[in-house]
Amino acid sequence: MQVIVGLGNPGEKYQKTRHNVGWMILDKLAQQLKMPPFQFQKKFQADLTKVDTIILMKPQTFMNDSGLAVRQVLSFYTDFGQVKSITPVTLPSLFVIHDDLDLETGSFKLHFGKGPKIHNGLLSLYQHLGTDQFWHVRVGVDGRAGDRSLSGRDYVLKPFSVVEKNALDQLAPEIVAAVLARLDTIQ
């Protein structure tokens, strides 16, 4: 199974914020793959859509508890639940799409085992999964142009400007193509 997670926060007030860019890109990916609509799955605390060996997932636990929902899905759909070893776990079939304040809006990076310096959603995943060895789809959301008068924590809960949203819309197909190309190499 390939599990692709978009990180975000549930609720209308967060829908268009920088912190929800993972969900925005996941929606574009679902559209490209012609996936069925997302359905809330209470046992996973997540919205899921699944076709064949691909699962797209939006945790509904709020960002800081995302790891709980992701662990539940991995334990149910993969052999992750049977892992009992002391050696670090590697999850090459897990992709996590998330906002990244270390990158400017309109840019992205696809890294294995390397995320931003600070991201509470990812910290939750690292804690619940016991590893950071999965694909990080780092989507840039920093449009502050050096102005740090607003904390990162508050800034990611702000919506994109029209110019930034347009840049993100132009970048989305490139992000989707990069994820799909990487998926093809592990299937």
N, C-alpha and C. Protein backbone atom coordinates (compact mmCIF):
# COMPACT_ATOMS: atom_id res chain seq x y z
N MET A 1 0.83 -1.19 0.00
CA MET A 1 0.00 0.00 0.00
C MET A 1 0.87 1.25 0.00
N GLN A 2 0.47 2.22 -0.77
CA GLN A 2 1.07 3.54 -0.71
C GLN A 2 0.09 4.45 0.00
N VAL A 3 0.53 5.10 1.05
CA VAL A 3 -0.32 6.00 1.83
C VAL A 3 0.21 7.41 1.64
N ILE A 4 -0.66 8.29 1.17
CA ILE A 4 -0.28 9.68 0.95
C ILE A 4 -1.14 10.53 1.86
N VAL A 5 -0.49 11.23 2.76
CA VAL A 5 -1.16 12.01 3.80
C VAL A 5 -1.00 13.49 3.49
N GLY A 6 -2.08 14.23 3.58
CA GLY A 6 -2.01 15.68 3.53
C GLY A 6 -2.26 16.19 4.94
N LEU A 7 -1.35 16.99 5.47
CA LEU A 7 -1.55 17.53 6.82
C LEU A 7 -2.36 18.82 6.75
N GLY A 8 -3.24 18.99 7.74
CA GLY A 8 -4.07 20.18 7.81
C GLY A 8 -4.90 20.15 9.08
N ASN A 9 -5.76 21.14 9.19
CA ASN A 9 -6.67 21.24 10.33
C ASN A 9 -8.11 21.19 9.83
N PRO A 10 -8.97 20.45 10.53
CA PRO A 10 -10.38 20.41 10.12
C PRO A 10 -11.09 21.72 10.47
N GLY A 11 -12.16 21.97 9.78
CA GLY A 11 -12.98 23.14 10.06
C GLY A 11 -12.84 24.22 9.01
N GLU A 12 -13.95 24.89 8.76
CA GLU A 12 -14.00 25.90 7.72
C GLU A 12 -13.02 27.04 7.95
N LYS A 13 -12.80 27.42 9.21
CA LYS A 13 -11.93 28.56 9.49
C LYS A 13 -10.47 28.30 9.10
N TYR A 14 -10.08 27.03 8.97
CA TYR A 14 -8.71 26.69 8.59
C TYR A 14 -8.57 26.33 7.11
N GLN A 15 -9.69 26.19 6.44
CA GLN A 15 -9.73 25.61 5.10
C GLN A 15 -8.74 26.24 4.12
N LYS A 16 -8.60 27.55 4.12
CA LYS A 16 -7.76 28.22 3.12
C LYS A 16 -6.45 28.75 3.71
N THR A 17 -6.06 28.23 4.87
CA THR A 17 -4.85 28.72 5.52
C THR A 17 -3.61 27.99 4.99
N ARG A 18 -2.47 28.58 5.27
CA ARG A 18 -1.19 28.01 4.86
C ARG A 18 -0.96 26.63 5.48
N HIS A 19 -1.45 26.45 6.69
CA HIS A 19 -1.28 25.17 7.39
C HIS A 19 -2.02 24.04 6.68
N ASN A 20 -2.99 24.37 5.85
CA ASN A 20 -3.78 23.35 5.15
C ASN A 20 -3.32 23.10 3.72
N VAL A 21 -2.14 23.57 3.38
CA VAL A 21 -1.66 23.37 2.02
C VAL A 21 -1.53 21.87 1.70
N GLY A 22 -1.27 21.05 2.70
CA GLY A 22 -1.21 19.60 2.47
C GLY A 22 -2.53 19.06 1.94
N TRP A 23 -3.63 19.53 2.51
CA TRP A 23 -4.95 19.10 2.03
C TRP A 23 -5.22 19.64 0.63
N MET A 24 -4.79 20.87 0.37
CA MET A 24 -5.01 21.48 -0.94
C MET A 24 -4.31 20.66 -2.04
N ILE A 25 -3.07 20.29 -1.79
CA ILE A 25 -2.32 19.51 -2.77
C ILE A 25 -2.89 18.10 -2.87
N LEU A 26 -3.31 17.52 -1.76
CA LEU A 26 -3.91 16.19 -1.77
C LEU A 26 -5.18 16.18 -2.62
N ASP A 27 -5.97 17.24 -2.55
CA ASP A 27 -7.17 17.34 -3.39
C ASP A 27 -6.81 17.33 -4.88
N LYS A 28 -5.73 18.03 -5.23
CA LYS A 28 -5.26 18.04 -6.63
C LYS A 28 -4.80 16.65 -7.05
N LEU A 29 -4.13 15.95 -6.15
CA LEU A 29 -3.67 14.59 -6.43
C LEU A 29 -4.86 13.65 -6.61
N ALA A 30 -5.85 13.78 -5.74
CA ALA A 30 -7.06 12.95 -5.85
C ALA A 30 -7.76 13.18 -7.19
N GLN A 31 -7.80 14.43 -7.60
CA GLN A 31 -8.42 14.78 -8.88
C GLN A 31 -7.64 14.16 -10.04
N GLN A 32 -6.32 14.26 -10.00
CA GLN A 32 -5.46 13.71 -11.06
C GLN A 32 -5.62 12.19 -11.16
N LEU A 33 -5.74 11.53 -10.01
CA LEU A 33 -5.87 10.07 -9.99
C LEU A 33 -7.31 9.59 -10.16
N LYS A 34 -8.24 10.56 -10.27
CA LYS A 34 -9.67 10.23 -10.41
C LYS A 34 -10.16 9.34 -9.25
N MET A 35 -9.77 9.73 -8.05
CA MET A 35 -10.15 9.00 -6.85
C MET A 35 -11.60 9.30 -6.49
N PRO A 36 -12.28 8.38 -5.80
CA PRO A 36 -13.62 8.68 -5.31
C PRO A 36 -13.55 9.79 -4.25
N PRO A 37 -14.69 10.38 -3.90
CA PRO A 37 -14.67 11.44 -2.88
C PRO A 37 -14.13 10.93 -1.54
N PHE A 38 -13.51 11.83 -0.80
CA PHE A 38 -13.04 11.49 0.54
C PHE A 38 -14.25 11.19 1.43
N GLN A 39 -14.10 10.18 2.30
CA GLN A 39 -15.14 9.80 3.24
C GLN A 39 -14.53 9.79 4.64
N PHE A 40 -15.26 10.33 5.60
CA PHE A 40 -14.77 10.29 6.98
C PHE A 40 -14.86 8.86 7.51
N GLN A 41 -13.76 8.38 8.08
CA GLN A 41 -13.68 7.05 8.69
C GLN A 41 -13.41 7.26 10.18
N LYS A 42 -14.43 7.05 10.98
CA LYS A 42 -14.33 7.33 12.42
C LYS A 42 -13.21 6.52 13.09
N LYS A 43 -13.05 5.24 12.70
CA LYS A 43 -12.05 4.40 13.37
C LYS A 43 -10.62 4.89 13.12
N PHE A 44 -10.42 5.68 12.05
CA PHE A 44 -9.10 6.24 11.77
C PHE A 44 -9.00 7.72 12.12
N GLN A 45 -10.12 8.34 12.44
CA GLN A 45 -10.17 9.79 12.68
C GLN A 45 -9.60 10.54 11.49
N ALA A 46 -10.05 10.13 10.29
CA ALA A 46 -9.50 10.71 9.06
C ALA A 46 -10.49 10.61 7.92
N ASP A 47 -10.35 11.51 6.97
CA ASP A 47 -11.03 11.40 5.69
C ASP A 47 -10.12 10.59 4.78
N LEU A 48 -10.68 9.56 4.13
CA LEU A 48 -9.89 8.68 3.27
C LEU A 48 -10.55 8.52 1.92
N THR A 49 -9.73 8.25 0.93
CA THR A 49 -10.18 7.73 -0.34
C THR A 49 -9.15 6.69 -0.75
N LYS A 50 -9.62 5.61 -1.38
CA LYS A 50 -8.74 4.49 -1.68
C LYS A 50 -9.11 3.88 -3.02
N VAL A 51 -8.07 3.62 -3.80
CA VAL A 51 -8.23 2.86 -5.04
C VAL A 51 -7.03 1.92 -5.15
N ASP A 52 -7.32 0.66 -5.35
CA ASP A 52 -6.27 -0.36 -5.47
C ASP A 52 -5.29 -0.25 -4.30
N THR A 53 -4.04 0.07 -4.58
CA THR A 53 -3.02 0.10 -3.53
C THR A 53 -2.68 1.51 -3.06
N ILE A 54 -3.50 2.50 -3.43
CA ILE A 54 -3.23 3.88 -3.04
C ILE A 54 -4.30 4.40 -2.10
N ILE A 55 -3.86 4.92 -0.97
CA ILE A 55 -4.76 5.55 0.00
C ILE A 55 -4.36 7.01 0.14
N LEU A 56 -5.32 7.90 0.01
CA LEU A 56 -5.10 9.32 0.30
C LEU A 56 -5.82 9.61 1.61
N MET A 57 -5.17 10.39 2.45
CA MET A 57 -5.65 10.56 3.82
C MET A 57 -5.51 11.99 4.30
N LYS A 58 -6.58 12.50 4.93
CA LYS A 58 -6.57 13.79 5.61
C LYS A 58 -6.92 13.54 7.07
N PRO A 59 -5.92 13.52 7.97
CA PRO A 59 -6.24 13.35 9.39
C PRO A 59 -7.20 14.44 9.86
N GLN A 60 -8.15 14.06 10.68
CA GLN A 60 -9.12 15.01 11.23
C GLN A 60 -8.87 15.26 12.71
N THR A 61 -7.66 15.01 13.14
CA THR A 61 -7.28 15.11 14.55
C THR A 61 -6.68 16.45 14.92
N PHE A 62 -6.65 17.38 14.01
CA PHE A 62 -5.91 18.63 14.11
C PHE A 62 -4.44 18.31 13.93
N MET A 63 -3.73 19.29 13.45
CA MET A 63 -2.33 19.14 13.04
C MET A 63 -1.47 18.47 14.11
N ASN A 64 -1.55 18.94 15.34
CA ASN A 64 -0.63 18.49 16.37
C ASN A 64 -0.84 17.05 16.83
N ASP A 65 -1.92 16.42 16.38
CA ASP A 65 -2.18 15.01 16.71
C ASP A 65 -2.27 14.14 15.45
N SER A 66 -1.74 14.62 14.36
CA SER A 66 -1.82 13.90 13.08
C SER A 66 -1.23 12.49 13.15
N GLY A 67 -0.20 12.32 13.93
CA GLY A 67 0.47 11.03 14.01
C GLY A 67 -0.43 9.91 14.49
N LEU A 68 -1.37 10.24 15.35
CA LEU A 68 -2.30 9.23 15.86
C LEU A 68 -3.12 8.61 14.72
N ALA A 69 -3.70 9.45 13.88
CA ALA A 69 -4.52 8.97 12.77
C ALA A 69 -3.67 8.23 11.74
N VAL A 70 -2.50 8.75 11.43
CA VAL A 70 -1.63 8.10 10.44
C VAL A 70 -1.21 6.73 10.94
N ARG A 71 -0.86 6.61 12.21
CA ARG A 71 -0.48 5.31 12.75
C ARG A 71 -1.64 4.31 12.64
N GLN A 72 -2.85 4.77 12.92
CA GLN A 72 -4.01 3.87 12.84
C GLN A 72 -4.21 3.35 11.41
N VAL A 73 -4.08 4.21 10.44
CA VAL A 73 -4.24 3.79 9.04
C VAL A 73 -3.12 2.84 8.63
N LEU A 74 -1.88 3.18 8.98
CA LEU A 74 -0.76 2.30 8.63
C LEU A 74 -0.89 0.94 9.30
N SER A 75 -1.33 0.92 10.54
CA SER A 75 -1.48 -0.35 11.27
C SER A 75 -2.57 -1.22 10.65
N PHE A 76 -3.62 -0.59 10.12
CA PHE A 76 -4.73 -1.34 9.55
C PHE A 76 -4.41 -1.84 8.13
N TYR A 77 -3.82 -0.99 7.30
CA TYR A 77 -3.65 -1.30 5.88
C TYR A 77 -2.28 -1.86 5.51
N THR A 78 -1.31 -1.79 6.41
CA THR A 78 0.03 -2.30 6.09
C THR A 78 0.49 -3.20 7.22
N ASP A 79 1.70 -3.71 7.10
CA ASP A 79 2.24 -4.56 8.16
C ASP A 79 2.93 -3.73 9.25
N PHE A 80 2.73 -2.42 9.24
CA PHE A 80 3.35 -1.54 10.23
C PHE A 80 2.96 -1.93 11.65
N GLY A 81 1.74 -2.39 11.85
CA GLY A 81 1.27 -2.76 13.18
C GLY A 81 2.01 -3.95 13.77
N GLN A 82 2.65 -4.75 12.92
CA GLN A 82 3.38 -5.93 13.39
C GLN A 82 4.85 -5.63 13.68
N VAL A 83 5.30 -4.41 13.36
CA VAL A 83 6.71 -4.06 13.58
C VAL A 83 6.97 -3.98 15.08
N LYS A 84 7.89 -4.79 15.57
CA LYS A 84 8.21 -4.82 16.99
C LYS A 84 9.71 -4.65 17.23
N SER A 85 10.47 -4.44 16.17
CA SER A 85 11.93 -4.42 16.32
C SER A 85 12.43 -3.12 16.94
N ILE A 86 13.63 -3.15 17.41
CA ILE A 86 14.28 -1.99 17.99
C ILE A 86 14.91 -1.13 16.89
N THR A 87 15.21 -1.75 15.75
CA THR A 87 15.85 -1.01 14.66
C THR A 87 14.88 0.04 14.11
N PRO A 88 15.42 1.15 13.62
CA PRO A 88 14.56 2.20 13.09
C PRO A 88 13.71 1.69 11.93
N VAL A 89 12.50 2.16 11.87
CA VAL A 89 11.56 1.76 10.82
C VAL A 89 11.74 2.70 9.63
N THR A 90 11.69 2.13 8.44
CA THR A 90 11.71 2.91 7.21
C THR A 90 10.39 2.69 6.50
N LEU A 91 9.76 3.77 6.07
CA LEU A 91 8.44 3.69 5.44
C LEU A 91 8.49 4.33 4.04
N PRO A 92 9.07 3.62 3.06
CA PRO A 92 9.23 4.21 1.73
C PRO A 92 7.91 4.39 0.97
N SER A 93 6.83 3.80 1.45
CA SER A 93 5.53 3.94 0.80
C SER A 93 4.64 4.97 1.48
N LEU A 94 5.20 5.76 2.40
CA LEU A 94 4.44 6.82 3.07
C LEU A 94 4.95 8.17 2.58
N PHE A 95 4.00 8.97 2.10
CA PHE A 95 4.28 10.34 1.67
C PHE A 95 3.45 11.27 2.54
N VAL A 96 4.07 12.32 3.06
CA VAL A 96 3.36 13.29 3.88
C VAL A 96 3.55 14.67 3.24
N ILE A 97 2.44 15.25 2.82
CA ILE A 97 2.44 16.58 2.19
C ILE A 97 2.13 17.60 3.26
N HIS A 98 3.01 18.59 3.42
CA HIS A 98 2.83 19.53 4.53
C HIS A 98 3.37 20.90 4.19
N ASP A 99 2.91 21.89 4.93
CA ASP A 99 3.42 23.25 4.81
C ASP A 99 4.83 23.32 5.38
N ASP A 100 5.62 24.26 4.83
CA ASP A 100 7.00 24.39 5.29
C ASP A 100 7.39 25.86 5.28
N LEU A 101 7.60 26.42 6.47
CA LEU A 101 8.01 27.82 6.61
C LEU A 101 9.49 28.02 6.28
N ASP A 102 10.24 26.95 6.08
CA ASP A 102 11.64 27.08 5.68
C ASP A 102 11.76 27.34 4.17
N LEU A 103 10.65 27.21 3.44
CA LEU A 103 10.64 27.41 1.99
C LEU A 103 9.68 28.53 1.62
N GLU A 104 10.03 29.30 0.61
CA GLU A 104 9.16 30.38 0.17
C GLU A 104 7.95 29.84 -0.58
N THR A 105 6.85 30.57 -0.49
CA THR A 105 5.64 30.21 -1.23
C THR A 105 5.99 30.11 -2.71
N GLY A 106 5.50 29.06 -3.35
CA GLY A 106 5.79 28.84 -4.77
C GLY A 106 6.93 27.88 -5.00
N SER A 107 7.45 27.28 -3.91
CA SER A 107 8.52 26.29 -4.05
C SER A 107 8.15 25.04 -3.27
N PHE A 108 8.82 23.94 -3.59
CA PHE A 108 8.61 22.71 -2.85
C PHE A 108 9.86 21.84 -2.95
N LYS A 109 9.96 20.90 -2.04
CA LYS A 109 11.03 19.90 -2.06
C LYS A 109 10.44 18.56 -1.69
N LEU A 110 10.95 17.53 -2.31
CA LEU A 110 10.56 16.15 -1.99
C LEU A 110 11.80 15.48 -1.41
N HIS A 111 11.74 15.18 -0.12
CA HIS A 111 12.89 14.61 0.59
C HIS A 111 12.47 13.33 1.31
N PHE A 112 13.38 12.39 1.37
CA PHE A 112 13.15 11.21 2.19
C PHE A 112 13.83 11.43 3.53
N GLY A 113 13.05 11.40 4.60
CA GLY A 113 13.60 11.49 5.95
C GLY A 113 14.06 12.87 6.36
N LYS A 114 13.64 13.90 5.66
CA LYS A 114 14.09 15.24 6.02
C LYS A 114 12.93 16.22 5.88
N GLY A 115 12.51 16.78 7.02
CA GLY A 115 11.46 17.78 7.04
C GLY A 115 12.00 19.12 7.48
N PRO A 116 11.12 20.06 7.76
CA PRO A 116 11.56 21.38 8.22
C PRO A 116 12.12 21.31 9.64
N LYS A 117 12.72 22.41 10.07
CA LYS A 117 13.31 22.47 11.41
C LYS A 117 12.25 22.22 12.48
N ILE A 118 11.12 22.91 12.37
CA ILE A 118 10.07 22.81 13.38
C ILE A 118 8.73 22.66 12.68
N HIS A 119 7.98 21.62 13.05
CA HIS A 119 6.63 21.42 12.51
C HIS A 119 5.91 20.46 13.45
N ASN A 120 4.95 20.96 14.19
CA ASN A 120 4.30 20.14 15.20
C ASN A 120 3.52 18.95 14.64
N GLY A 121 2.97 19.10 13.44
CA GLY A 121 2.30 17.96 12.81
C GLY A 121 3.28 16.84 12.53
N LEU A 122 4.45 17.19 12.03
CA LEU A 122 5.47 16.17 11.77
C LEU A 122 6.03 15.60 13.06
N LEU A 123 6.19 16.44 14.07
CA LEU A 123 6.65 15.93 15.37
C LEU A 123 5.69 14.87 15.90
N SER A 124 4.39 15.07 15.69
CA SER A 124 3.40 14.07 16.09
C SER A 124 3.60 12.77 15.32
N LEU A 125 3.84 12.88 14.01
CA LEU A 125 4.10 11.68 13.23
C LEU A 125 5.36 10.96 13.72
N TYR A 126 6.43 11.71 13.92
CA TYR A 126 7.68 11.09 14.38
C TYR A 126 7.45 10.35 15.70
N GLN A 127 6.67 10.96 16.59
CA GLN A 127 6.40 10.35 17.90
C GLN A 127 5.57 9.07 17.74
N HIS A 128 4.49 9.14 16.99
CA HIS A 128 3.58 7.99 16.88
C HIS A 128 4.11 6.88 15.97
N LEU A 129 4.95 7.25 15.01
CA LEU A 129 5.49 6.23 14.11
C LEU A 129 6.87 5.75 14.54
N GLY A 130 7.53 6.53 15.38
CA GLY A 130 8.86 6.16 15.83
C GLY A 130 9.93 6.35 14.77
N THR A 131 9.64 7.16 13.76
CA THR A 131 10.60 7.37 12.67
C THR A 131 10.27 8.64 11.91
N ASP A 132 11.28 9.17 11.23
CA ASP A 132 11.07 10.25 10.27
C ASP A 132 11.43 9.76 8.87
N GLN A 133 11.64 8.45 8.74
CA GLN A 133 12.08 7.86 7.49
C GLN A 133 10.90 7.54 6.57
N PHE A 134 10.34 8.61 6.02
CA PHE A 134 9.29 8.54 5.01
C PHE A 134 9.46 9.75 4.11
N TRP A 135 8.67 9.83 3.06
CA TRP A 135 8.78 10.94 2.11
C TRP A 135 8.11 12.18 2.67
N HIS A 136 8.85 13.28 2.70
CA HIS A 136 8.34 14.58 3.11
C HIS A 136 8.14 15.41 1.84
N VAL A 137 6.91 15.78 1.57
CA VAL A 137 6.61 16.67 0.44
C VAL A 137 6.44 18.05 1.05
N ARG A 138 7.53 18.81 1.02
CA ARG A 138 7.64 20.08 1.72
C ARG A 138 7.17 21.21 0.79
N VAL A 139 6.02 21.79 1.10
CA VAL A 139 5.44 22.84 0.26
C VAL A 139 5.67 24.19 0.93
N GLY A 140 6.39 25.06 0.25
CA GLY A 140 6.73 26.36 0.80
C GLY A 140 5.51 27.24 1.02
N VAL A 141 5.45 27.87 2.19
CA VAL A 141 4.33 28.76 2.53
C VAL A 141 4.80 30.10 3.08
N ASP A 142 6.12 30.35 3.02
CA ASP A 142 6.64 31.60 3.60
C ASP A 142 6.62 32.72 2.57
N GLY A 143 5.73 33.66 2.77
CA GLY A 143 5.63 34.83 1.91
C GLY A 143 5.88 36.11 2.68
N ARG A 144 6.60 35.99 3.79
CA ARG A 144 6.81 37.15 4.67
C ARG A 144 7.90 38.09 4.20
N ALA A 145 8.68 37.70 3.23
CA ALA A 145 9.76 38.53 2.69
C ALA A 145 10.65 39.09 3.79
N GLY A 146 10.99 38.25 4.76
CA GLY A 146 11.89 38.65 5.83
C GLY A 146 11.21 39.27 7.03
N ASP A 147 9.95 39.64 6.93
CA ASP A 147 9.22 40.26 8.05
C ASP A 147 8.79 39.17 9.03
N ARG A 148 9.41 39.16 10.19
CA ARG A 148 9.10 38.14 11.20
C ARG A 148 8.32 38.72 12.37
N SER A 149 7.58 39.82 12.13
CA SER A 149 6.81 40.44 13.21
C SER A 149 5.65 39.55 13.65
N LEU A 150 5.20 38.67 12.78
CA LEU A 150 4.16 37.70 13.12
C LEU A 150 4.84 36.35 13.32
N SER A 151 4.56 35.69 14.43
CA SER A 151 5.20 34.39 14.70
C SER A 151 4.81 33.37 13.64
N GLY A 152 5.69 32.41 13.44
CA GLY A 152 5.40 31.34 12.49
C GLY A 152 4.11 30.62 12.82
N ARG A 153 3.89 30.41 14.11
CA ARG A 153 2.68 29.70 14.57
C ARG A 153 1.41 30.44 14.14
N ASP A 154 1.41 31.78 14.26
CA ASP A 154 0.25 32.56 13.84
C ASP A 154 0.21 32.72 12.32
N TYR A 155 1.37 32.84 11.71
CA TYR A 155 1.44 33.07 10.27
C TYR A 155 0.85 31.92 9.47
N VAL A 156 1.13 30.67 9.87
CA VAL A 156 0.62 29.53 9.10
C VAL A 156 -0.90 29.40 9.19
N LEU A 157 -1.51 30.10 10.13
CA LEU A 157 -2.98 30.06 10.25
C LEU A 157 -3.64 31.20 9.48
N LYS A 158 -2.86 31.93 8.70
CA LYS A 158 -3.37 33.00 7.85
C LYS A 158 -3.59 32.46 6.43
N PRO A 159 -4.56 33.03 5.71
CA PRO A 159 -4.77 32.58 4.32
C PRO A 159 -3.68 33.11 3.40
N PHE A 160 -3.56 32.49 2.24
CA PHE A 160 -2.64 32.96 1.21
C PHE A 160 -3.19 34.23 0.58
N SER A 161 -2.29 35.11 0.14
CA SER A 161 -2.72 36.26 -0.66
C SER A 161 -3.14 35.74 -2.03
N VAL A 162 -3.79 36.57 -2.82
CA VAL A 162 -4.22 36.17 -4.16
C VAL A 162 -3.01 35.79 -5.01
N VAL A 163 -1.95 36.56 -4.92
CA VAL A 163 -0.74 36.27 -5.69
C VAL A 163 -0.13 34.93 -5.26
N GLU A 164 -0.07 34.69 -3.95
CA GLU A 164 0.48 33.44 -3.44
C GLU A 164 -0.39 32.25 -3.84
N LYS A 165 -1.69 32.42 -3.79
CA LYS A 165 -2.62 31.34 -4.18
C LYS A 165 -2.43 31.00 -5.66
N ASN A 166 -2.25 32.02 -6.48
CA ASN A 166 -2.00 31.77 -7.90
C ASN A 166 -0.69 31.01 -8.10
N ALA A 167 0.34 31.40 -7.37
CA ALA A 167 1.63 30.71 -7.46
C ALA A 167 1.49 29.25 -7.03
N LEU A 168 0.72 29.02 -5.97
CA LEU A 168 0.50 27.66 -5.49
C LEU A 168 -0.29 26.84 -6.51
N ASP A 169 -1.30 27.46 -7.11
CA ASP A 169 -2.09 26.77 -8.14
C ASP A 169 -1.22 26.37 -9.33
N GLN A 170 -0.26 27.23 -9.67
CA GLN A 170 0.65 26.91 -10.78
C GLN A 170 1.65 25.81 -10.39
N LEU A 171 2.03 25.78 -9.12
CA LEU A 171 3.00 24.80 -8.63
C LEU A 171 2.37 23.42 -8.40
N ALA A 172 1.10 23.38 -8.06
CA ALA A 172 0.43 22.13 -7.67
C ALA A 172 0.63 20.99 -8.68
N PRO A 173 0.47 21.22 -10.00
CA PRO A 173 0.68 20.10 -10.93
C PRO A 173 2.11 19.55 -10.89
N GLU A 174 3.09 20.40 -10.63
CA GLU A 174 4.47 19.96 -10.53
C GLU A 174 4.68 19.08 -9.29
N ILE A 175 4.04 19.47 -8.19
CA ILE A 175 4.14 18.68 -6.95
C ILE A 175 3.48 17.32 -7.17
N VAL A 176 2.29 17.32 -7.75
CA VAL A 176 1.56 16.08 -8.02
C VAL A 176 2.39 15.17 -8.93
N ALA A 177 2.98 15.73 -9.97
CA ALA A 177 3.80 14.94 -10.90
C ALA A 177 5.01 14.33 -10.18
N ALA A 178 5.64 15.10 -9.29
CA ALA A 178 6.80 14.59 -8.55
C ALA A 178 6.41 13.43 -7.64
N VAL A 179 5.27 13.55 -6.96
CA VAL A 179 4.81 12.47 -6.08
C VAL A 179 4.47 11.23 -6.91
N LEU A 180 3.76 11.41 -8.02
CA LEU A 180 3.38 10.27 -8.85
C LEU A 180 4.61 9.59 -9.45
N ALA A 181 5.60 10.37 -9.85
CA ALA A 181 6.83 9.78 -10.40
C ALA A 181 7.54 8.95 -9.34
N ARG A 182 7.58 9.43 -8.10
CA ARG A 182 8.22 8.69 -7.02
C ARG A 182 7.40 7.43 -6.69
N LEU A 183 6.08 7.55 -6.71
CA LEU A 183 5.22 6.39 -6.46
C LEU A 183 5.49 5.28 -7.48
N ASP A 184 5.68 5.68 -8.73
CA ASP A 184 5.93 4.69 -9.78
C ASP A 184 7.20 3.90 -9.54
N THR A 185 8.17 4.51 -8.86
CA THR A 185 9.43 3.80 -8.63
C THR A 185 9.34 2.80 -7.48
N ILE A 186 8.31 2.90 -6.64
CA ILE A 186 8.21 1.98 -5.51
C ILE A 186 7.08 0.98 -5.65
N GLN A 187 6.31 1.06 -6.73
CA GLN A 187 5.20 0.12 -6.89
C GLN A 187 5.67 -1.24 -7.34
